[in-house]
Structure formats: structure tokens, C-alpha cells
Protein backbone atom coordinates (compact mmCIF):
# COMPACT_ATOMS: atom_id res chain seq x y z
CA UNK A 1 55.70 -17.47 -107.34
CA UNK A 2 53.91 -19.06 -110.27
CA UNK A 3 55.93 -21.56 -112.32
CA UNK A 4 55.39 -22.74 -115.89
CA UNK A 5 55.20 -26.54 -116.01
CA UNK A 6 55.62 -28.52 -119.22
CA UNK A 7 53.68 -31.80 -119.26
CA UNK A 8 54.72 -34.32 -121.90
CA UNK A 9 52.16 -37.03 -122.58
CA UNK A 10 50.19 -38.85 -125.21
CA UNK A 11 47.41 -41.45 -125.33
CA UNK A 12 47.34 -44.21 -122.73
CA UNK A 13 48.57 -42.01 -119.85
CA UNK A 14 47.60 -43.17 -116.36
CA UNK A 15 44.60 -40.93 -115.63
CA UNK A 16 45.08 -40.19 -111.91
CA UNK A 17 48.83 -39.72 -112.36
CA UNK A 18 48.00 -36.75 -114.59
CA UNK A 19 44.73 -35.41 -113.13
CA UNK A 20 45.67 -35.30 -109.42
CA UNK A 21 49.09 -33.59 -109.75
CA UNK A 22 47.72 -31.24 -112.46
CA UNK A 23 44.88 -30.19 -110.15
CA UNK A 24 47.31 -29.60 -107.25
CA UNK A 25 49.73 -27.62 -109.46
CA UNK A 26 46.88 -25.41 -110.75
CA UNK A 27 45.50 -24.86 -107.24
CA UNK A 28 48.99 -23.74 -106.16
CA UNK A 29 48.89 -21.11 -108.92
CA UNK A 30 51.19 -22.74 -111.49
CA UNK A 31 50.47 -22.76 -115.23
CA UNK A 32 50.44 -26.04 -117.14
CA UNK A 33 51.12 -26.77 -120.81
CA UNK A 34 50.26 -30.25 -122.11
CA UNK A 35 52.67 -31.06 -124.93
CA UNK A 36 52.05 -33.79 -127.53
CA UNK A 37 53.13 -34.29 -131.14
CA UNK A 38 50.83 -31.46 -132.23
CA UNK A 39 48.53 -28.88 -130.64
CA UNK A 40 44.83 -29.66 -130.20
CA UNK A 41 45.19 -33.45 -130.02
CA UNK A 42 42.68 -35.28 -127.82
CA UNK A 43 44.62 -37.61 -125.50
CA UNK A 44 42.81 -40.47 -123.78
CA UNK A 45 43.79 -42.03 -120.45
CA UNK A 46 44.19 -45.79 -120.20
CA UNK A 47 42.18 -46.42 -117.02
CA UNK A 48 39.25 -44.00 -116.87
CA UNK A 49 39.23 -42.70 -120.48
CA UNK A 50 39.98 -39.18 -119.21
CA UNK A 51 40.28 -36.84 -122.19
CA UNK A 52 42.87 -34.07 -122.27
CA UNK A 53 43.54 -31.69 -125.17
CA UNK A 54 47.15 -30.84 -125.91
CA UNK A 55 48.04 -27.16 -125.54
CA UNK A 56 51.12 -27.29 -127.76
CA UNK A 57 53.03 -29.44 -130.21
CA UNK A 58 56.59 -30.51 -129.36
CA UNK A 59 57.97 -28.50 -132.30
CA UNK A 60 56.32 -25.33 -130.94
CA UNK A 61 57.98 -25.32 -127.51
CA UNK A 62 61.48 -24.99 -126.05
CA UNK A 63 62.68 -26.24 -122.64
CA UNK A 64 63.85 -22.72 -121.76
CA UNK A 65 60.19 -21.56 -121.89
CA UNK A 66 59.41 -23.66 -118.79
CA UNK A 67 60.46 -23.89 -115.14
CA UNK A 68 59.70 -27.60 -114.63
CA UNK A 69 58.80 -30.84 -116.42
CA UNK A 70 56.07 -33.31 -115.41
CA UNK A 71 55.94 -36.82 -116.91
CA UNK A 72 52.78 -38.77 -115.97
CA UNK A 73 52.95 -42.58 -116.16
CA UNK A 74 50.97 -45.22 -117.98
CA UNK A 75 52.01 -46.32 -121.47
CA UNK A 76 52.49 -42.69 -122.56
CA UNK A 77 56.20 -42.36 -121.57
CA UNK A 78 57.10 -45.53 -123.49
CA UNK A 79 55.35 -44.17 -126.60
CA UNK A 80 57.01 -40.75 -126.25
CA UNK A 81 60.53 -42.12 -125.85
CA UNK A 82 60.40 -43.46 -129.40
CA UNK A 83 60.33 -39.81 -130.55
CA UNK A 84 63.74 -38.10 -130.28
CA UNK A 85 62.10 -34.68 -129.91
CA UNK A 86 60.57 -35.66 -126.55
CA UNK A 87 63.79 -37.36 -125.42
CA UNK A 88 65.83 -34.22 -126.21
CA UNK A 89 63.21 -32.02 -124.51
CA UNK A 90 63.29 -34.09 -121.29
CA UNK A 91 67.09 -34.32 -121.28
CA UNK A 92 67.35 -30.51 -121.38
CA UNK A 93 65.48 -30.21 -118.05
CA UNK A 94 67.80 -32.74 -116.43
CA UNK A 95 70.93 -31.10 -117.86
CA UNK A 96 69.76 -27.63 -116.76
CA UNK A 97 68.96 -28.85 -113.22
CA UNK A 98 65.30 -27.80 -113.55
CA UNK A 99 62.67 -29.68 -111.51
CA UNK A 100 61.47 -32.93 -113.12
CA UNK A 101 58.50 -34.89 -111.76
CA UNK A 102 58.20 -38.49 -113.02
CA UNK A 103 55.76 -41.08 -111.71
CA UNK A 104 55.28 -44.79 -112.41
CA UNK A 105 56.56 -45.37 -115.99
CA UNK A 106 57.49 -41.67 -116.37
CA UNK A 107 61.21 -42.37 -115.80
CA UNK A 108 61.29 -44.39 -119.05
CA UNK A 109 61.65 -41.11 -120.93
CA UNK A 110 64.62 -40.18 -118.71
CA UNK A 111 66.20 -43.62 -119.27
CA UNK A 112 66.13 -43.05 -123.02
CA UNK A 113 67.51 -39.52 -122.46
CA UNK A 114 70.45 -41.16 -120.66
CA UNK A 115 69.93 -38.68 -117.82
CA UNK A 116 69.80 -40.97 -114.77
CA UNK A 117 73.40 -42.13 -114.19
CA UNK A 118 74.12 -41.83 -110.46
CA UNK A 119 70.64 -40.48 -109.71
CA UNK A 120 68.39 -41.71 -106.90
CA UNK A 121 64.99 -42.69 -108.26
CA UNK A 122 61.95 -44.91 -107.95
CA UNK A 123 59.36 -46.03 -110.46
CA UNK A 124 56.97 -48.83 -111.29
CA UNK A 125 58.37 -52.24 -110.37
CA UNK A 126 58.53 -53.42 -114.01
CA UNK A 127 61.12 -50.74 -114.88
CA UNK A 128 63.36 -51.37 -111.84
CA UNK A 129 65.96 -53.30 -113.86
CA UNK A 130 65.83 -50.71 -116.67
CA UNK A 131 66.53 -47.95 -114.14
CA UNK A 132 69.46 -49.87 -112.66
CA UNK A 133 70.82 -50.59 -116.16
CA UNK A 134 70.61 -46.84 -116.85
CA UNK A 135 72.98 -46.28 -113.92
CA UNK A 136 70.34 -45.02 -111.48
CA UNK A 137 70.14 -45.97 -107.80
CA UNK A 138 66.69 -47.57 -107.44
CA UNK A 139 64.80 -47.16 -104.15
CA UNK A 140 61.50 -48.94 -103.50
CA UNK A 141 59.91 -46.00 -101.66
CA UNK A 142 56.72 -43.97 -102.14
CA UNK A 143 58.68 -40.88 -103.16
CA UNK A 144 62.36 -40.22 -103.90
CA UNK A 145 63.80 -36.71 -104.24
CA UNK A 146 67.24 -36.48 -105.85
CA UNK A 147 69.42 -33.34 -105.71
CA UNK A 148 66.39 -31.12 -105.06
CA UNK A 149 65.59 -31.61 -108.75
CA UNK A 150 64.09 -35.00 -109.55
CA UNK A 151 60.92 -36.22 -107.81
CA UNK A 152 59.79 -39.78 -108.57
CA UNK A 153 57.09 -42.15 -107.29
CA UNK A 154 55.97 -45.70 -108.06
CA UNK A 155 52.18 -45.88 -108.51
CA UNK A 156 48.92 -43.92 -108.07
CA UNK A 157 48.97 -45.01 -104.39
CA UNK A 158 52.03 -42.76 -103.95
CA UNK A 159 50.33 -39.65 -105.38
CA UNK A 160 49.94 -37.77 -102.05
CA UNK A 161 53.70 -37.98 -101.35
CA UNK A 162 54.56 -37.28 -105.03
CA UNK A 163 52.39 -34.15 -105.08
CA UNK A 164 53.69 -32.94 -101.70
CA UNK A 165 57.36 -33.20 -102.74
CA UNK A 166 56.73 -31.79 -106.24
CA UNK A 167 55.01 -28.73 -104.78
CA UNK A 168 57.92 -28.21 -102.35
CA UNK A 169 60.36 -28.03 -105.28
CA UNK A 170 58.17 -25.48 -107.07
CA UNK A 171 58.40 -22.99 -104.15
């Protein structure tokens, strides 16, 4: 069954952490909506200068319109967490027990949403202490699945495991 996946990101996202899962989600028949501050923005990746156009602005969407949330890494999550609208949006998925996929620095948005207390998670090594301070149980593993809801991975090297577990949750 096709699921609607919200993707929150802005400039300086980690290219492969968006492009590879997005491709796999589309190939599995899911629909994707890239959400930024406003619709039609051109977002540029930090590594390969991949360009992505936002499908919707954050003020034009509601969490209840989507089945899952995907947060690619890079500097994008750190930029987004300064905007309460994105924090509130992400928190709603966690509170409603909807699937959330966060890779690398993606969990930074969930830290700011105060949605990780008691959760098992992984992420990029530089946010390990932040995750622990947020009350999460950090695991240095290629992929961590918590409560059949939250899928997290550390780096682009972990993408095959991240994609595999994310697709399992979308079934």
C-alpha cells in the first residue's frame, strides 16, 4: 500500500542521504513531498550540489496529511530546528507513533522537539552527547529501529541498512 512521506529539508542537506532513500521510496510506490519554508524553493546539497525543488511550504502542510516523516542529514536538520514550525511538525509524528526516518544529523530535529527520551537511536558521532543529553539511548550501530516507529542511521555508509529498515516499516 502506497504511503505519503513528508521530507523536511533545506539547503546543505547530505545529498546521498536524501537521493538514495527517496529513490527507494519512490520505487516501492510511495509518494514524497519535500517540505521547506515555502513551495518552489531550490535546495542545494552540501556534497554534490544536488538540486531539489520543494513541493510545499511548512505552513501549507499538516502532519495528519502524511503517513511517515523522513529527515535527511547534513547541515539541514540543524538549520530547520531553529524554526519552531518544523520542530512542531516533527514532534507530531513522534507523538502520533507514525514512522520517522532520521539519518546522520537528522535526529537533531527530534532532539529540539524533545521527542527522544527513553528512545533507542543512533546518529552521526558528533551528536552522540546531544542524543544522550536528550534522554535517548545511543547505540553505535549501522541502523537502530525503536518501537517499530523510529529508524536511525549514522552516515551515508549505513544507507543500505537504513533504506531496508525504513521500507519494512512502510509495509
